[in-house]
Amino acid sequence: MLRSYLSTASKLLPTNDLTTKGIWINLIAPTEEEINLIVKTTNLSADLLKAALDEEERSHIEVDEGQLLILINIPIYAGENGNFIYDTIPLGIVVSENTLVTVCLRENLILEEFEMRSPKTFYTFKKTRFVLQILFITATYYLRYLRQIDKITNEIEAKLHKSMKNEELIKLLNLEKGLVYFTTSLRANEIVMEKLLRSQLKSPIARIDPDTAITSLILKMYSDDEDLLEDVITENKQAIEMCETYSHILSGMMDAFASIISNNLNMVMKFLASITIILSLPGIVASFYGMNVLLPFQNTPHAFSIAILISIILSLVGVIILKRKNMF
């Protein structure tokens, strides 16, 4: 899917002219034809555009013939039918002198934020600020999803105290996997952000590394932009710390609640064993009086009542003994 926008003084307008300077092109799961169209009209590298289409691609910065690729991993929620599944997918930002292109494998809330946002808050032709705003929104969504994970964990914890099923543990396992994905992606994103921060010097021509010089020339930062980038790095570090904290908590909870579930099952088995013992006592009396031999009270008119009374007394004695041994 290909959508393109251009900021004006008061509106964010869709446009079909892909050669316009300052345009933002948003590619979602693009086809080969759409990629070829972008390459033909904007002279962007096809390899840079396709980098984000690999689900296993790690966050990095790449420069190719005056074009800059910033690839980060963004958080997504893929749960349904009560399953809580959090994951990350690559988002590629390709920046050239005239164009900014975002490439992703699926629709996501981060880019939708900009498509629905007031044009006064961002401009497609301010490439550096736009890139930093994408990074900032990404960090805030990590924090938002982490708070959701914490809330879901507390709800599952309340259920696990009385549970003997594996369903809650499986949900916790899915959350723990999501936290692992988040932590890995956030650390990779942090490297990208710090590299962007290091690339911004007043005299990029004096740099020894040509890729760093090109990065600095394509993304020209002013003091406000550097402040925003530092804020993004701070938010990202906070998300990393939250991920690590929640991951440790979840890991401990899974171990503890696995023991709780096992203990709950043992208590049920103990209760059932006690009931079995109690019920077996009347059965013993009945089996004796079912024998074809001489038995006490067999000629008494109240023999049946006596047998029932003996069974009740034995059952009560069994209950008292087992109760004292905390079997109930």
Protein backbone atom coordinates (compact mmCIF):
# COMPACT_ATOMS: atom_id res chain seq x y z
CA MET A 1 0.00 0.00 0.00
CA LEU A 2 1.36 3.39 -0.98
CA ARG A 3 0.21 6.68 0.54
CA SER A 4 1.93 10.04 0.08
CA TYR A 5 1.46 13.34 1.89
CA LEU A 6 2.68 16.91 1.76
CA SER A 7 2.38 19.50 4.49
CA THR A 8 0.99 22.93 3.73
CA ALA A 9 0.57 25.88 6.02
CA SER A 10 -2.65 24.51 7.51
CA LYS A 11 -3.20 20.96 6.24
CA LEU A 12 -1.62 17.59 5.62
CA LEU A 13 -2.69 16.86 2.08
CA PRO A 14 -2.55 13.55 0.18
CA THR A 15 -0.69 13.91 -3.08
CA ASN A 16 0.01 11.76 -6.13
CA ASP A 17 3.02 13.74 -7.33
CA LEU A 18 5.91 11.69 -5.94
CA THR A 19 8.51 14.10 -7.30
CA THR A 20 7.41 17.00 -5.09
CA LYS A 21 10.11 18.27 -2.75
CA GLY A 22 9.38 17.71 0.94
CA ILE A 23 6.96 14.83 0.35
CA TRP A 24 6.37 11.99 2.80
CA ILE A 25 5.74 8.58 1.23
CA ASN A 26 4.34 5.88 3.49
CA LEU A 27 4.75 2.29 2.24
CA ILE A 28 2.89 -0.46 4.09
CA ALA A 29 3.71 -4.02 2.94
CA PRO A 30 4.60 -2.62 -0.50
CA THR A 31 4.43 -4.70 -3.64
CA GLU A 32 7.32 -4.99 -6.05
CA GLU A 33 5.52 -2.63 -8.43
CA GLU A 34 5.17 0.04 -5.76
CA ILE A 35 8.84 -0.21 -4.83
CA ASN A 36 9.85 0.05 -8.49
CA LEU A 37 7.61 3.11 -8.84
CA ILE A 38 9.32 4.81 -5.89
CA VAL A 39 12.77 3.93 -7.22
CA LYS A 40 11.89 5.29 -10.65
CA THR A 41 10.33 8.56 -9.48
CA THR A 42 12.60 9.42 -6.54
CA ASN A 43 15.88 7.68 -7.47
CA LEU A 44 16.00 6.03 -4.06
CA SER A 45 17.90 2.79 -3.56
CA ALA A 46 15.71 -0.30 -3.82
CA ASP A 47 17.92 -2.09 -1.27
CA LEU A 48 17.30 0.62 1.31
CA LEU A 49 13.56 0.48 0.71
CA LYS A 50 13.47 -3.31 1.05
CA ALA A 51 15.56 -3.46 4.21
CA ALA A 52 12.53 -3.03 6.48
CA LEU A 53 10.68 -5.89 4.76
CA ASP A 54 12.86 -8.44 6.54
CA GLU A 55 11.20 -9.28 9.88
CA GLU A 56 14.54 -10.25 11.42
CA GLU A 57 16.37 -7.06 10.40
CA ARG A 58 18.07 -5.32 13.31
CA SER A 59 18.08 -1.61 13.95
CA HIS A 60 20.90 0.21 12.21
CA ILE A 61 21.87 3.22 10.11
CA GLU A 62 23.02 2.82 6.53
CA VAL A 63 24.21 5.36 3.97
CA ASP A 64 24.14 4.78 0.23
CA GLU A 65 24.94 7.43 -2.39
CA GLY A 66 23.68 10.39 -0.43
CA GLN A 67 20.65 8.52 0.94
CA LEU A 68 20.18 7.65 4.57
CA LEU A 69 18.37 4.61 6.00
CA ILE A 70 17.39 4.66 9.65
CA LEU A 71 15.94 1.28 10.56
CA ILE A 72 14.36 0.83 13.99
CA ASN A 73 12.08 -1.74 15.57
CA ILE A 74 8.65 -0.56 16.66
CA PRO A 75 6.26 -2.26 19.13
CA ILE A 76 2.99 -3.84 18.02
CA TYR A 77 0.15 -5.64 19.75
CA ALA A 78 -0.92 -8.80 17.94
CA GLY A 79 -3.18 -10.39 20.54
CA GLU A 80 -6.72 -11.58 19.97
CA ASN A 81 -9.29 -13.84 21.68
CA GLY A 82 -7.80 -13.19 25.10
CA ASN A 83 -4.20 -13.83 24.02
CA PHE A 84 -1.77 -11.09 24.98
CA ILE A 85 0.94 -11.05 22.33
CA TYR A 86 3.37 -8.17 22.04
CA ASP A 87 6.02 -8.13 19.34
CA THR A 88 8.25 -5.79 17.34
CA ILE A 89 8.63 -5.23 13.60
CA PRO A 90 11.14 -3.20 11.58
CA LEU A 91 10.33 0.32 10.43
CA GLY A 92 12.56 1.80 7.77
CA ILE A 93 12.97 5.56 7.32
CA VAL A 94 14.73 6.45 4.07
CA VAL A 95 15.77 10.08 3.83
CA SER A 96 17.11 11.86 0.75
CA GLU A 97 17.48 15.52 -0.11
CA ASN A 98 13.90 15.85 -1.36
CA THR A 99 11.97 12.89 0.04
CA LEU A 100 11.27 10.98 3.23
CA VAL A 101 9.93 7.43 2.86
CA THR A 102 8.70 5.18 5.66
CA VAL A 103 8.49 1.43 4.99
CA CYS A 104 6.82 -1.14 7.24
CA LEU A 105 5.43 -4.65 6.91
CA ARG A 106 2.04 -3.82 8.40
CA GLU A 107 -0.22 -1.00 9.49
CA ASN A 108 0.89 0.42 12.82
CA LEU A 109 -0.29 3.02 15.28
CA ILE A 110 2.94 5.00 15.17
CA LEU A 111 2.63 6.11 11.54
CA GLU A 112 -1.13 6.48 11.94
CA GLU A 113 -0.36 9.06 14.63
CA PHE A 114 1.19 11.27 11.95
CA GLU A 115 -1.46 10.58 9.34
CA MET A 116 -4.15 11.71 11.80
CA ARG A 117 -2.12 14.42 13.50
CA SER A 118 -2.68 18.14 13.12
CA PRO A 119 -0.25 19.59 10.54
CA LYS A 120 0.77 22.24 13.06
CA THR A 121 2.62 19.61 15.10
CA PHE A 122 4.84 18.34 12.31
CA TYR A 123 5.81 19.10 8.72
CA THR A 124 6.78 16.57 6.08
CA PHE A 125 9.48 18.85 4.67
CA LYS A 126 11.24 19.16 8.05
CA LYS A 127 12.93 15.81 7.66
CA THR A 128 15.13 15.89 10.75
CA ARG A 129 12.32 16.92 13.07
CA PHE A 130 10.00 14.36 11.43
CA VAL A 131 12.49 11.53 11.98
CA LEU A 132 13.00 12.52 15.61
CA GLN A 133 9.25 12.70 16.16
CA ILE A 134 8.90 9.16 14.80
CA LEU A 135 11.59 8.01 17.23
CA PHE A 136 9.89 9.82 20.10
CA ILE A 137 6.44 8.37 19.34
CA THR A 138 8.04 4.92 19.09
CA ALA A 139 9.56 5.29 22.57
CA THR A 140 6.23 6.47 24.02
CA TYR A 141 4.42 3.47 22.53
CA TYR A 142 6.96 1.14 24.13
CA LEU A 143 6.17 2.78 27.46
CA ARG A 144 2.43 2.58 26.80
CA TYR A 145 2.59 -1.14 26.00
CA LEU A 146 4.79 -1.77 29.03
CA ARG A 147 2.17 -0.21 31.28
CA GLN A 148 -0.44 -2.43 29.64
CA ILE A 149 1.75 -5.47 30.30
CA ASP A 150 2.08 -4.46 33.97
CA LYS A 151 -1.72 -4.09 34.27
CA ILE A 152 -2.37 -7.44 32.57
CA THR A 153 0.21 -9.10 34.82
CA ASN A 154 -1.58 -7.86 37.93
CA GLU A 155 -4.91 -9.19 36.62
CA ILE A 156 -3.41 -12.60 35.86
CA GLU A 157 -1.75 -12.65 39.29
CA ALA A 158 -5.14 -12.26 40.98
CA LYS A 159 -6.50 -15.25 39.04
CA LEU A 160 -3.47 -17.45 39.64
CA HIS A 161 -3.97 -17.58 43.41
CA LYS A 162 -6.93 -19.93 42.93
CA SER A 163 -6.05 -21.45 39.57
CA MET A 164 -5.00 -24.99 38.76
CA LYS A 165 -4.89 -24.49 35.00
CA ASN A 166 -2.03 -23.70 32.64
CA GLU A 167 -3.92 -20.94 30.80
CA GLU A 168 -2.67 -18.13 33.04
CA LEU A 169 0.90 -19.40 32.91
CA ILE A 170 0.76 -19.47 29.11
CA LYS A 171 -0.43 -15.86 29.13
CA LEU A 172 2.47 -14.93 31.40
CA LEU A 173 4.84 -16.75 29.05
CA ASN A 174 3.53 -14.70 26.10
CA LEU A 175 4.05 -11.51 28.08
CA GLU A 176 7.57 -12.54 29.01
CA LYS A 177 8.38 -13.26 25.35
CA GLY A 178 7.06 -9.81 24.46
CA LEU A 179 9.32 -8.23 27.06
CA VAL A 180 12.32 -10.05 25.63
CA TYR A 181 11.49 -8.73 22.14
CA PHE A 182 11.00 -5.24 23.56
CA THR A 183 14.29 -5.27 25.45
CA THR A 184 16.28 -6.46 22.44
CA SER A 185 14.67 -3.92 20.12
CA LEU A 186 15.01 -1.03 22.56
CA ARG A 187 18.72 -1.68 23.02
CA ALA A 188 19.24 -1.78 19.25
CA ASN A 189 17.20 1.42 18.86
CA GLU A 190 19.33 3.06 21.54
CA ILE A 191 22.47 2.40 19.51
CA VAL A 192 20.86 4.07 16.49
CA MET A 193 19.81 7.12 18.50
CA GLU A 194 23.22 7.54 20.10
CA LYS A 195 24.86 7.26 16.70
CA LEU A 196 22.55 10.01 15.42
CA LEU A 197 23.49 12.16 18.40
CA ARG A 198 27.22 11.60 17.85
CA SER A 199 26.89 12.44 14.15
CA GLN A 200 25.75 16.01 14.85
CA LEU A 201 28.77 18.29 14.94
CA LYS A 202 29.01 21.81 13.68
CA SER A 203 31.54 20.88 11.05
CA PRO A 204 30.63 17.53 9.49
CA ILE A 205 33.20 18.05 6.70
CA ALA A 206 35.97 17.64 9.26
CA ARG A 207 34.83 14.14 10.10
CA ILE A 208 36.98 11.19 9.18
CA ASP A 209 34.07 8.79 8.74
CA PRO A 210 32.35 9.66 5.42
CA ASP A 211 29.11 7.88 6.36
CA THR A 212 28.86 9.95 9.52
CA ALA A 213 29.49 13.11 7.52
CA ILE A 214 26.72 12.24 5.05
CA THR A 215 24.35 11.46 7.92
CA SER A 216 25.10 14.85 9.41
CA LEU A 217 24.54 16.58 6.07
CA ILE A 218 21.24 14.85 5.31
CA LEU A 219 19.81 15.27 8.82
CA LYS A 220 20.80 18.79 9.78
CA MET A 221 20.05 19.31 13.43
CA TYR A 222 19.53 22.54 15.26
CA SER A 223 19.66 23.02 19.00
CA ASP A 224 15.94 22.20 19.41
CA ASP A 225 16.41 19.02 17.40
CA GLU A 226 19.33 17.92 19.56
CA ASP A 227 17.23 18.55 22.67
CA LEU A 228 14.43 16.42 21.19
CA LEU A 229 16.89 13.63 20.37
CA GLU A 230 18.18 13.68 23.93
CA ASP A 231 14.58 13.44 25.16
CA VAL A 232 14.05 10.45 22.86
CA ILE A 233 17.15 8.74 24.25
CA THR A 234 15.93 9.41 27.80
CA GLU A 235 12.50 7.92 27.03
CA ASN A 236 14.16 4.92 25.40
CA LYS A 237 16.39 4.33 28.43
CA GLN A 238 13.35 4.51 30.69
CA ALA A 239 11.60 1.90 28.53
CA ILE A 240 14.67 -0.36 28.74
CA GLU A 241 14.73 -0.12 32.53
CA MET A 242 11.00 -0.85 32.73
CA CYS A 243 11.42 -3.85 30.42
CA GLU A 244 14.18 -5.31 32.54
CA THR A 245 12.22 -4.73 35.76
CA TYR A 246 9.01 -6.29 34.44
CA SER A 247 10.95 -9.17 32.90
CA HIS A 248 12.53 -10.03 36.26
CA ILE A 249 9.15 -9.75 37.98
CA LEU A 250 7.46 -11.99 35.40
CA SER A 251 10.21 -14.57 35.57
CA GLY A 252 9.90 -14.75 39.36
CA MET A 253 6.11 -14.85 39.16
CA MET A 254 6.12 -17.75 36.71
CA ASP A 255 8.38 -19.79 38.98
CA ALA A 256 6.33 -18.92 42.06
CA PHE A 257 2.95 -19.57 40.49
CA ALA A 258 4.07 -22.82 38.92
CA SER A 259 4.73 -23.94 42.50
CA ILE A 260 1.38 -22.50 43.63
CA ILE A 261 -0.51 -24.40 40.94
CA SER A 262 1.30 -27.59 41.92
CA ASN A 263 0.54 -26.93 45.58
CA ASN A 264 -3.15 -26.28 44.81
CA LEU A 265 -3.30 -29.58 42.97
CA ASN A 266 -1.66 -31.36 45.90
CA MET A 267 -4.25 -29.90 48.25
CA VAL A 268 -7.07 -31.16 46.06
CA MET A 269 -5.49 -34.60 45.86
CA LYS A 270 -5.07 -34.64 49.66
CA PHE A 271 -8.72 -33.70 50.14
CA LEU A 272 -9.88 -36.40 47.70
CA ALA A 273 -7.69 -38.98 49.46
CA SER A 274 -9.25 -38.04 52.80
CA ILE A 275 -12.77 -38.37 51.39
CA THR A 276 -11.83 -41.76 49.94
CA ILE A 277 -10.64 -42.96 53.36
CA ILE A 278 -13.82 -41.76 55.08
CA LEU A 279 -16.07 -43.41 52.51
CA SER A 280 -14.15 -46.67 52.69
CA LEU A 281 -14.93 -47.16 56.42
CA PRO A 282 -18.68 -47.80 55.94
CA GLY A 283 -17.74 -50.04 53.04
CA ILE A 284 -15.63 -52.19 55.38
CA VAL A 285 -18.56 -52.64 57.79
CA ALA A 286 -20.94 -53.44 54.92
CA SER A 287 -18.51 -55.99 53.47
CA PHE A 288 -18.23 -57.81 56.82
CA TYR A 289 -22.00 -58.07 57.17
CA GLY A 290 -22.27 -59.29 53.62
CA MET A 291 -20.30 -62.45 54.47
CA ASN A 292 -22.14 -65.80 54.78
CA VAL A 293 -20.73 -66.55 58.27
CA LEU A 294 -21.85 -66.04 61.86
CA LEU A 295 -21.71 -62.31 62.72
CA PRO A 296 -22.48 -60.26 65.84
CA PHE A 297 -26.06 -59.00 66.10
CA GLN A 298 -27.15 -61.02 63.05
CA ASN A 299 -30.20 -62.36 64.87
CA THR A 300 -31.11 -59.00 66.38
CA PRO A 301 -34.12 -57.23 64.80
CA HIS A 302 -32.09 -53.99 64.72
CA ALA A 303 -29.01 -55.50 63.06
CA PHE A 304 -29.22 -53.14 60.06
CA SER A 305 -29.53 -50.07 62.29
CA ILE A 306 -26.58 -51.25 64.37
CA ALA A 307 -24.45 -51.72 61.23
CA ILE A 308 -25.37 -48.20 60.06
CA LEU A 309 -24.55 -46.77 63.49
CA ILE A 310 -21.16 -48.50 63.55
CA SER A 311 -20.41 -47.10 60.06
CA ILE A 312 -21.33 -43.58 61.15
CA ILE A 313 -19.21 -43.82 64.31
CA LEU A 314 -16.20 -45.09 62.35
CA SER A 315 -16.64 -42.29 59.77
CA LEU A 316 -16.82 -39.65 62.50
CA VAL A 317 -13.71 -41.04 64.17
CA GLY A 318 -11.92 -40.99 60.80
CA VAL A 319 -12.98 -37.39 60.19
CA ILE A 320 -11.70 -36.32 63.63
CA ILE A 321 -8.34 -38.07 63.15
CA LEU A 322 -7.83 -36.67 59.65
CA LYS A 323 -8.91 -33.20 60.77
CA ARG A 324 -6.27 -33.21 63.50
CA LYS A 325 -3.70 -34.12 60.85
CA ASN A 326 -4.82 -31.16 58.68
CA MET A 327 -6.05 -33.42 55.92
CA PHE A 328 -9.11 -31.19 55.37
